[in-house]
PDB file of N, CA and C in Angstrom:
ATOM      1  N   MET A   1     -24.791  46.589  -4.044  1.00  0.00           N
ATOM      2  CA  MET A   1     -24.678  46.576  -2.774  1.00  0.00           C
ATOM      3  C   MET A   1     -25.045  45.077  -2.235  1.00  0.00           C
ATOM      4  N   GLY A   2     -25.930  44.371  -2.950  1.00  0.00           N
ATOM      5  CA  GLY A   2     -26.223  43.022  -2.489  1.00  0.00           C
ATOM      6  C   GLY A   2     -25.121  42.058  -2.879  1.00  0.00           C
ATOM      7  N   ILE A   3     -24.421  42.341  -4.062  1.00  0.00           N
ATOM      8  CA  ILE A   3     -23.253  41.559  -4.429  1.00  0.00           C
ATOM      9  C   ILE A   3     -22.092  41.823  -3.453  1.00  0.00           C
ATOM     10  N   MET A   4     -21.862  43.054  -3.000  1.00  0.00           N
ATOM     11  CA  MET A   4     -20.812  43.346  -2.099  1.00  0.00           C
ATOM     12  C   MET A   4     -21.078  42.624  -0.756  1.00  0.00           C
ATOM     13  N   ALA A   5     -22.436  42.639  -0.184  1.00  0.00           N
ATOM     14  CA  ALA A   5     -22.680  41.956   0.967  1.00  0.00           C
ATOM     15  C   ALA A   5     -22.443  40.454   0.970  1.00  0.00           C
ATOM     16  N   THR A   6     -22.735  39.884  -0.174  1.00  0.00           N
ATOM     17  CA  THR A   6     -22.543  38.518  -0.408  1.00  0.00           C
ATOM     18  C   THR A   6     -21.025  38.224  -0.433  1.00  0.00           C
ATOM     19  N   ALA A   7     -20.298  38.994  -1.084  1.00  0.00           N
ATOM     20  CA  ALA A   7     -18.842  38.826  -1.241  1.00  0.00           C
ATOM     21  C   ALA A   7     -18.056  38.916   0.146  1.00  0.00           C
ATOM     22  N   ILE A   8     -18.534  39.634   1.017  1.00  0.00           N
ATOM     23  CA  ILE A   8     -17.778  39.855   2.269  1.00  0.00           C
ATOM     24  C   ILE A   8     -18.362  39.126   3.476  1.00  0.00           C
ATOM     25  N   SER A   9     -19.368  38.415   3.219  1.00  0.00           N
ATOM     26  CA  SER A   9     -20.120  37.609   4.406  1.00  0.00           C
ATOM     27  C   SER A   9     -19.168  36.512   4.705  1.00  0.00           C
ATOM     28  N   PRO A  10     -19.074  36.129   5.885  1.00  0.00           N
ATOM     29  CA  PRO A  10     -18.196  35.008   6.323  1.00  0.00           C
ATOM     30  C   PRO A  10     -18.690  33.576   5.733  1.00  0.00           C
ATOM     31  N   ALA A  11     -17.785  32.839   5.459  1.00  0.00           N
ATOM     32  CA  ALA A  11     -18.071  31.430   4.940  1.00  0.00           C
ATOM     33  C   ALA A  11     -18.549  30.566   6.312  1.00  0.00           C
ATOM     34  N   SER A  12     -19.415  29.674   6.120  1.00  0.00           N
ATOM     35  CA  SER A  12     -19.849  28.979   7.152  1.00  0.00           C
ATOM     36  C   SER A  12     -19.584  27.409   6.916  1.00  0.00           C
ATOM     37  N   ALA A  13     -19.291  26.682   7.853  1.00  0.00           N
ATOM     38  CA  ALA A  13     -18.872  25.217   7.730  1.00  0.00           C
ATOM     39  C   ALA A  13     -20.246  24.560   7.330  1.00  0.00           C
ATOM     40  N   ILE A  14     -19.973  23.493   6.549  1.00  0.00           N
ATOM     41  CA  ILE A  14     -21.038  22.526   6.053  1.00  0.00           C
ATOM     42  C   ILE A  14     -20.909  21.349   6.897  1.00  0.00           C
ATOM     43  N   THR A  15     -21.961  21.018   7.677  1.00  0.00           N
ATOM     44  CA  THR A  15     -21.991  19.881   8.596  1.00  0.00           C
ATOM     45  C   THR A  15     -23.327  19.206   8.291  1.00  0.00           C
ATOM     46  N   GLY A  16     -23.311  17.886   8.739  1.00  0.00           N
ATOM     47  CA  GLY A  16     -24.455  17.055   8.709  1.00  0.00           C
ATOM     48  C   GLY A  16     -24.819  16.512   7.429  1.00  0.00           C
ATOM     49  N   ASN A  17     -24.010  16.690   6.444  1.00  0.00           N
ATOM     50  CA  ASN A  17     -24.438  16.112   5.019  1.00  0.00           C
ATOM     51  C   ASN A  17     -23.390  15.315   4.440  1.00  0.00           C
ATOM     52  N   PHE A  18     -22.690  14.370   5.225  1.00  0.00           N
ATOM     53  CA  PHE A  18     -21.781  13.552   4.687  1.00  0.00           C
ATOM     54  C   PHE A  18     -22.147  12.741   3.548  1.00  0.00           C
ATOM     55  N   THR A  19     -21.289  12.710   2.466  1.00  0.00           N
ATOM     56  CA  THR A  19     -21.592  11.813   1.450  1.00  0.00           C
ATOM     57  C   THR A  19     -20.214  11.152   1.033  1.00  0.00           C
ATOM     58  N   PRO A  20     -20.117   9.927   0.649  1.00  0.00           N
ATOM     59  CA  PRO A  20     -18.844   9.438   0.338  1.00  0.00           C
ATOM     60  C   PRO A  20     -18.230  10.097  -0.914  1.00  0.00           C
ATOM     61  N   ASP A  21     -16.901  10.109  -0.861  1.00  0.00           N
ATOM     62  CA  ASP A  21     -16.208  10.811  -2.097  1.00  0.00           C
ATOM     63  C   ASP A  21     -14.971   9.814  -2.479  1.00  0.00           C
ATOM     64  N   TYR A  22     -15.219   9.271  -3.669  1.00  0.00           N
ATOM     65  CA  TYR A  22     -14.262   8.262  -4.240  1.00  0.00           C
ATOM     66  C   TYR A  22     -13.356   8.908  -5.299  1.00  0.00           C
ATOM     67  N   VAL A  23     -13.364  10.320  -5.375  1.00  0.00           N
ATOM     68  CA  VAL A  23     -12.664  11.011  -6.399  1.00  0.00           C
ATOM     69  C   VAL A  23     -11.280  11.606  -5.905  1.00  0.00           C
ATOM     70  N   HIS A  24     -11.431  12.074  -4.670  1.00  0.00           N
ATOM     71  CA  HIS A  24     -10.259  12.708  -4.135  1.00  0.00           C
ATOM     72  C   HIS A  24      -9.480  11.745  -3.080  1.00  0.00           C
ATOM     73  N   ASP A  25      -8.782  10.875  -3.727  1.00  0.00           N
ATOM     74  CA  ASP A  25      -8.056   9.773  -2.918  1.00  0.00           C
ATOM     75  C   ASP A  25      -7.025  10.270  -1.995  1.00  0.00           C
ATOM     76  N   TYR A  26      -6.395  11.356  -2.349  1.00  0.00           N
ATOM     77  CA  TYR A  26      -5.276  11.859  -1.587  1.00  0.00           C
ATOM     78  C   TYR A  26      -5.631  13.101  -0.694  1.00  0.00           C
ATOM     79  N   VAL A  27      -6.865  13.178  -0.281  1.00  0.00           N
ATOM     80  CA  VAL A  27      -7.323  14.304   0.594  1.00  0.00           C
ATOM     81  C   VAL A  27      -7.627  13.559   1.918  1.00  0.00           C
ATOM     82  N   GLY A  28      -7.192  14.089   3.053  1.00  0.00           N
ATOM     83  CA  GLY A  28      -7.426  13.472   4.366  1.00  0.00           C
ATOM     84  C   GLY A  28      -7.771  14.579   5.357  1.00  0.00           C
ATOM     85  N   LEU A  29      -7.865  14.061   6.681  1.00  0.00           N
ATOM     86  CA  LEU A  29      -8.172  14.839   7.713  1.00  0.00           C
ATOM     87  C   LEU A  29      -6.972  14.882   8.694  1.00  0.00           C
ATOM     88  N   ILE A  30      -6.331  15.902   9.013  1.00  0.00           N
ATOM     89  CA  ILE A  30      -5.257  16.116   9.904  1.00  0.00           C
ATOM     90  C   ILE A  30      -5.807  16.767  11.161  1.00  0.00           C
ATOM     91  N   VAL A  31      -5.735  16.142  12.385  1.00  0.00           N
ATOM     92  CA  VAL A  31      -6.174  16.449  13.630  1.00  0.00           C
ATOM     93  C   VAL A  31      -4.966  16.770  14.487  1.00  0.00           C
ATOM     94  N   PHE A  32      -5.070  17.943  15.059  1.00  0.00           N
ATOM     95  CA  PHE A  32      -3.900  18.450  15.964  1.00  0.00           C
ATOM     96  C   PHE A  32      -4.226  18.468  17.536  1.00  0.00           C
ATOM     97  N   HIS A  33      -3.307  18.124  18.237  1.00  0.00           N
ATOM     98  CA  HIS A  33      -3.394  18.027  19.787  1.00  0.00           C
ATOM     99  C   HIS A  33      -2.323  18.959  20.358  1.00  0.00           C
ATOM    100  N   ASP A  34      -2.640  19.434  21.617  1.00  0.00           N
ATOM    101  CA  ASP A  34      -1.698  20.281  22.320  1.00  0.00           C
ATOM    102  C   ASP A  34      -0.802  19.133  23.072  1.00  0.00           C
ATOM    103  N   GLU A  35       0.315  19.736  23.842  1.00  0.00           N
ATOM    104  CA  GLU A  35       1.313  18.872  24.491  1.00  0.00           C
ATOM    105  C   GLU A  35       0.683  17.949  25.656  1.00  0.00           C
ATOM    106  N   ASP A  36      -0.673  18.251  26.078  1.00  0.00           N
ATOM    107  CA  ASP A  36      -1.325  17.443  27.027  1.00  0.00           C
ATOM    108  C   ASP A  36      -2.199  16.419  26.276  1.00  0.00           C
ATOM    109  N   GLY A  37      -2.229  16.447  25.004  1.00  0.00           N
ATOM    110  CA  GLY A  37      -3.000  15.440  24.152  1.00  0.00           C
ATOM    111  C   GLY A  37      -4.504  15.966  23.910  1.00  0.00           C
ATOM    112  N   ASN A  38      -4.850  17.186  24.202  1.00  0.00           N
ATOM    113  CA  ASN A  38      -6.113  17.648  24.016  1.00  0.00           C
ATOM    114  C   ASN A  38      -6.252  18.121  22.724  1.00  0.00           C
ATOM    115  N   PHE A  39      -7.420  17.921  22.015  1.00  0.00           N
ATOM    116  CA  PHE A  39      -7.715  18.308  20.670  1.00  0.00           C
ATOM    117  C   PHE A  39      -7.659  19.853  20.609  1.00  0.00           C
ATOM    118  N   VAL A  40      -6.990  20.285  19.400  1.00  0.00           N
ATOM    119  CA  VAL A  40      -6.832  21.702  19.179  1.00  0.00           C
ATOM    120  C   VAL A  40      -7.731  22.019  17.997  1.00  0.00           C
ATOM    121  N   THR A  41      -7.587  21.394  16.891  1.00  0.00           N
ATOM    122  CA  THR A  41      -8.368  21.681  15.626  1.00  0.00           C
ATOM    123  C   THR A  41      -8.153  20.476  14.651  1.00  0.00           C
ATOM    124  N   GLY A  42      -8.931  20.492  13.631  1.00  0.00           N
ATOM    125  CA  GLY A  42      -8.854  19.585  12.604  1.00  0.00           C
ATOM    126  C   GLY A  42      -8.879  20.309  11.289  1.00  0.00           C
ATOM    127  N   ALA A  43      -8.321  19.741  10.200  1.00  0.00           N
ATOM    128  CA  ALA A  43      -8.332  20.520   8.939  1.00  0.00           C
ATOM    129  C   ALA A  43      -8.226  19.556   7.785  1.00  0.00           C
ATOM    130  N   PRO A  44      -8.599  19.800   6.663  1.00  0.00           N
ATOM    131  CA  PRO A  44      -8.434  19.010   5.476  1.00  0.00           C
ATOM    132  C   PRO A  44      -6.845  19.248   5.014  1.00  0.00           C
ATOM    133  N   ALA A  45      -6.399  18.250   4.428  1.00  0.00           N
ATOM    134  CA  ALA A  45      -5.002  18.267   3.882  1.00  0.00           C
ATOM    135  C   ALA A  45      -4.876  17.309   2.681  1.00  0.00           C
ATOM    136  N   HIS A  46      -3.817  17.510   1.972  1.00  0.00           N
ATOM    137  CA  HIS A  46      -3.553  16.743   0.835  1.00  0.00           C
ATOM    138  C   HIS A  46      -2.209  16.022   0.838  1.00  0.00           C
ATOM    139  N   LEU A  47      -2.206  14.769   0.515  1.00  0.00           N
ATOM    140  CA  LEU A  47      -1.015  13.963   0.494  1.00  0.00           C
ATOM    141  C   LEU A  47      -0.351  14.213  -0.810  1.00  0.00           C
ATOM    142  N   LEU A  48       0.784  14.802  -0.681  1.00  0.00           N
ATOM    143  CA  LEU A  48       1.625  15.085  -1.882  1.00  0.00           C
ATOM    144  C   LEU A  48       2.637  14.100  -2.332  1.00  0.00           C
ATOM    145  N   SER A  49       3.151  13.236  -1.264  1.00  0.00           N
ATOM    146  CA  SER A  49       4.086  12.126  -1.564  1.00  0.00           C
ATOM    147  C   SER A  49       3.784  11.138  -0.359  1.00  0.00           C
ATOM    148  N   PRO A  50       4.426  10.096  -0.340  1.00  0.00           N
ATOM    149  CA  PRO A  50       4.211   9.059   0.759  1.00  0.00           C
ATOM    150  C   PRO A  50       4.528   9.635   2.144  1.00  0.00           C
ATOM    151  N   THR A  51       5.347  10.921   2.096  1.00  0.00           N
ATOM    152  CA  THR A  51       5.864  11.407   3.596  1.00  0.00           C
ATOM    153  C   THR A  51       5.424  12.883   3.595  1.00  0.00           C
ATOM    154  N   VAL A  52       4.669  13.487   2.617  1.00  0.00           N
ATOM    155  CA  VAL A  52       4.504  14.863   2.635  1.00  0.00           C
ATOM    156  C   VAL A  52       2.876  15.099   2.775  1.00  0.00           C
ATOM    157  N   PHE A  53       2.348  15.644   3.829  1.00  0.00           N
ATOM    158  CA  PHE A  53       1.021  15.946   3.855  1.00  0.00           C
ATOM    159  C   PHE A  53       0.943  17.377   4.080  1.00  0.00           C
ATOM    160  N   LEU A  54       0.051  18.165   3.219  1.00  0.00           N
ATOM    161  CA  LEU A  54       0.101  19.614   3.205  1.00  0.00           C
ATOM    162  C   LEU A  54      -1.236  20.022   3.709  1.00  0.00           C
ATOM    163  N   THR A  55      -1.165  21.087   4.682  1.00  0.00           N
ATOM    164  CA  THR A  55      -2.348  21.832   5.149  1.00  0.00           C
ATOM    165  C   THR A  55      -1.953  23.316   5.336  1.00  0.00           C
ATOM    166  N   ALA A  56      -2.862  24.180   5.749  1.00  0.00           N
ATOM    167  CA  ALA A  56      -2.609  25.507   5.983  1.00  0.00           C
ATOM    168  C   ALA A  56      -1.708  25.687   7.219  1.00  0.00           C
ATOM    169  N   GLY A  57      -0.790  26.541   7.189  1.00  0.00           N
ATOM    170  CA  GLY A  57       0.089  26.789   8.263  1.00  0.00           C
ATOM    171  C   GLY A  57      -0.671  27.167   9.570  1.00  0.00           C
ATOM    172  N   HIS A  58      -1.673  28.072   9.391  1.00  0.00           N
ATOM    173  CA  HIS A  58      -2.390  28.523  10.567  1.00  0.00           C
ATOM    174  C   HIS A  58      -3.142  27.442  11.365  1.00  0.00           C
ATOM    175  N   CYS A  59      -3.331  26.344  10.703  1.00  0.00           N
ATOM    176  CA  CYS A  59      -4.088  25.179  11.436  1.00  0.00           C
ATOM    177  C   CYS A  59      -3.177  24.479  12.486  1.00  0.00           C
ATOM    178  N   THR A  60      -1.884  24.727  12.379  1.00  0.00           N
ATOM    179  CA  THR A  60      -0.981  24.144  13.241  1.00  0.00           C
ATOM    180  C   THR A  60      -0.670  24.930  14.640  1.00  0.00           C
ATOM    181  N   ASP A  61      -1.250  26.063  14.569  1.00  0.00           N
ATOM    182  CA  ASP A  61      -1.086  26.967  15.796  1.00  0.00           C
ATOM    183  C   ASP A  61      -1.565  26.277  17.119  1.00  0.00           C
ATOM    184  N   GLY A  62      -0.666  26.195  18.054  1.00  0.00           N
ATOM    185  CA  GLY A  62      -0.938  25.667  19.396  1.00  0.00           C
ATOM    186  C   GLY A  62      -0.835  24.124  19.354  1.00  0.00           C
ATOM    187  N   ALA A  63      -0.394  23.569  18.350  1.00  0.00           N
ATOM    188  CA  ALA A  63      -0.399  22.068  18.235  1.00  0.00           C
ATOM    189  C   ALA A  63       1.034  21.577  18.558  1.00  0.00           C
ATOM    190  N   ASP A  64       0.939  20.366  19.331  1.00  0.00           N
ATOM    191  CA  ASP A  64       2.154  19.695  19.583  1.00  0.00           C
ATOM    192  C   ASP A  64       2.393  18.355  18.779  1.00  0.00           C
ATOM    193  N   SER A  65       1.273  17.871  18.478  1.00  0.00           N
ATOM    194  CA  SER A  65       1.302  16.568  17.672  1.00  0.00           C
ATOM    195  C   SER A  65       0.128  16.580  16.696  1.00  0.00           C
ATOM    196  N   ALA A  66       0.095  15.598  15.842  1.00  0.00           N
ATOM    197  CA  ALA A  66      -0.959  15.435  14.895  1.00  0.00           C
ATOM    198  C   ALA A  66      -1.246  14.006  14.503  1.00  0.00           C
ATOM    199  N   ARG A  67      -2.508  13.792  14.089  1.00  0.00           N
ATOM    200  CA  ARG A  67      -2.891  12.399  13.555  1.00  0.00           C
ATOM    201  C   ARG A  67      -3.449  12.579  12.129  1.00  0.00           C
ATOM    202  N   ILE A  68      -3.304  11.676  11.339  1.00  0.00           N
ATOM    203  CA  ILE A  68      -3.865  11.879   9.847  1.00  0.00           C
ATOM    204  C   ILE A  68      -4.860  10.827   9.638  1.00  0.00           C
ATOM    205  N   TYR A  69      -5.943  11.045   9.173  1.00  0.00           N
ATOM    206  CA  TYR A  69      -7.034  10.019   8.820  1.00  0.00           C
ATOM    207  C   TYR A  69      -7.395  10.215   7.394  1.00  0.00           C
ATOM    208  N   PHE A  70      -7.637   8.939   6.753  1.00  0.00           N
ATOM    209  CA  PHE A  70      -8.164   8.851   5.346  1.00  0.00           C
ATOM    210  C   PHE A  70      -9.559   8.278   5.308  1.00  0.00           C
ATOM    211  N   ALA A  71     -10.150   7.909   6.505  1.00  0.00           N
ATOM    212  CA  ALA A  71     -11.384   7.261   6.548  1.00  0.00           C
ATOM    213  C   ALA A  71     -12.427   8.158   5.916  1.00  0.00           C
ATOM    214  N   GLN A  72     -13.283   7.745   5.158  1.00  0.00           N
ATOM    215  CA  GLN A  72     -14.317   8.535   4.531  1.00  0.00           C
ATOM    216  C   GLN A  72     -15.177   9.379   5.501  1.00  0.00           C
ATOM    217  N   ASP A  73     -15.439   8.841   6.651  1.00  0.00           N
ATOM    218  CA  ASP A  73     -16.283   9.447   7.492  1.00  0.00           C
ATOM    219  C   ASP A  73     -15.580   9.956   8.850  1.00  0.00           C
ATOM    220  N   ALA A  74     -14.266  10.171   8.737  1.00  0.00           N
ATOM    221  CA  ALA A  74     -13.552  10.748   9.872  1.00  0.00           C
ATOM    222  C   ALA A  74     -14.066  12.119  10.328  1.00  0.00           C
ATOM    223  N   GLY A  75     -14.605  12.130  11.553  1.00  0.00           N
ATOM    224  CA  GLY A  75     -15.070  13.502  11.938  1.00  0.00           C
ATOM    225  C   GLY A  75     -16.419  13.901  11.508  1.00  0.00           C
ATOM    226  N   ALA A  76     -17.144  13.069  10.729  1.00  0.00           N
ATOM    227  CA  ALA A  76     -18.287  13.415  10.101  1.00  0.00           C
ATOM    228  C   ALA A  76     -19.467  13.567  11.113  1.00  0.00           C
ATOM    229  N   GLU A  77     -19.497  12.776  12.251  1.00  0.00           N
ATOM    230  CA  GLU A  77     -20.611  12.857  13.211  1.00  0.00           C
ATOM    231  C   GLU A  77     -20.454  13.861  14.226  1.00  0.00           C
ATOM    232  N   THR A  78     -19.288  14.437  14.511  1.00  0.00           N
ATOM    233  CA  THR A  78     -19.068  15.398  15.533  1.00  0.00           C
ATOM    234  C   THR A  78     -18.171  16.434  15.113  1.00  0.00           C
ATOM    235  N   THR A  79     -17.903  17.483  15.900  1.00  0.00           N
ATOM    236  CA  THR A  79     -16.882  18.501  15.509  1.00  0.00           C
ATOM    237  C   THR A  79     -15.510  17.977  15.936  1.00  0.00           C
ATOM    238  N   ARG A  80     -15.477  16.915  16.731  1.00  0.00           N
ATOM    239  CA  ARG A  80     -14.270  16.357  17.140  1.00  0.00           C
ATOM    240  C   ARG A  80     -14.071  14.946  16.440  1.00  0.00           C
ATOM    241  N   PRO A  81     -13.026  14.653  15.797  1.00  0.00           N
ATOM    242  CA  PRO A  81     -12.807  13.323  15.055  1.00  0.00           C
ATOM    243  C   PRO A  81     -12.907  12.104  16.136  1.00  0.00           C
ATOM    244  N   ARG A  82     -13.455  11.096  15.615  1.00  0.00           N
ATOM    245  CA  ARG A  82     -13.513   9.898  16.465  1.00  0.00           C
ATOM    246  C   ARG A  82     -12.155   9.137  16.448  1.00  0.00           C
ATOM    247  N   TYR A  83     -11.705   8.502  17.448  1.00  0.00           N
ATOM    248  CA  TYR A  83     -10.457   7.794  17.512  1.00  0.00           C
ATOM    249  C   TYR A  83     -10.756   6.211  17.627  1.00  0.00           C
TER     250      TYR A  83
END
């Protein structure tokens, strides 16, 4: 029963513990905005080629535009990325 409860419990975000990562060079943060320029969501993504950046499809729901960041601390201090 204890294993089952652990397996079905929801995952929680890890925040407030930023550490530099020099191993995953091709991982970035993609930030989505609606047509009015309001923040919708942000998600990690992987650079597959110079023009292809892959993230989960559900992350794009409600988005009209996106910005991509490769800064080590993009969004580390708040739930909304800094511009």
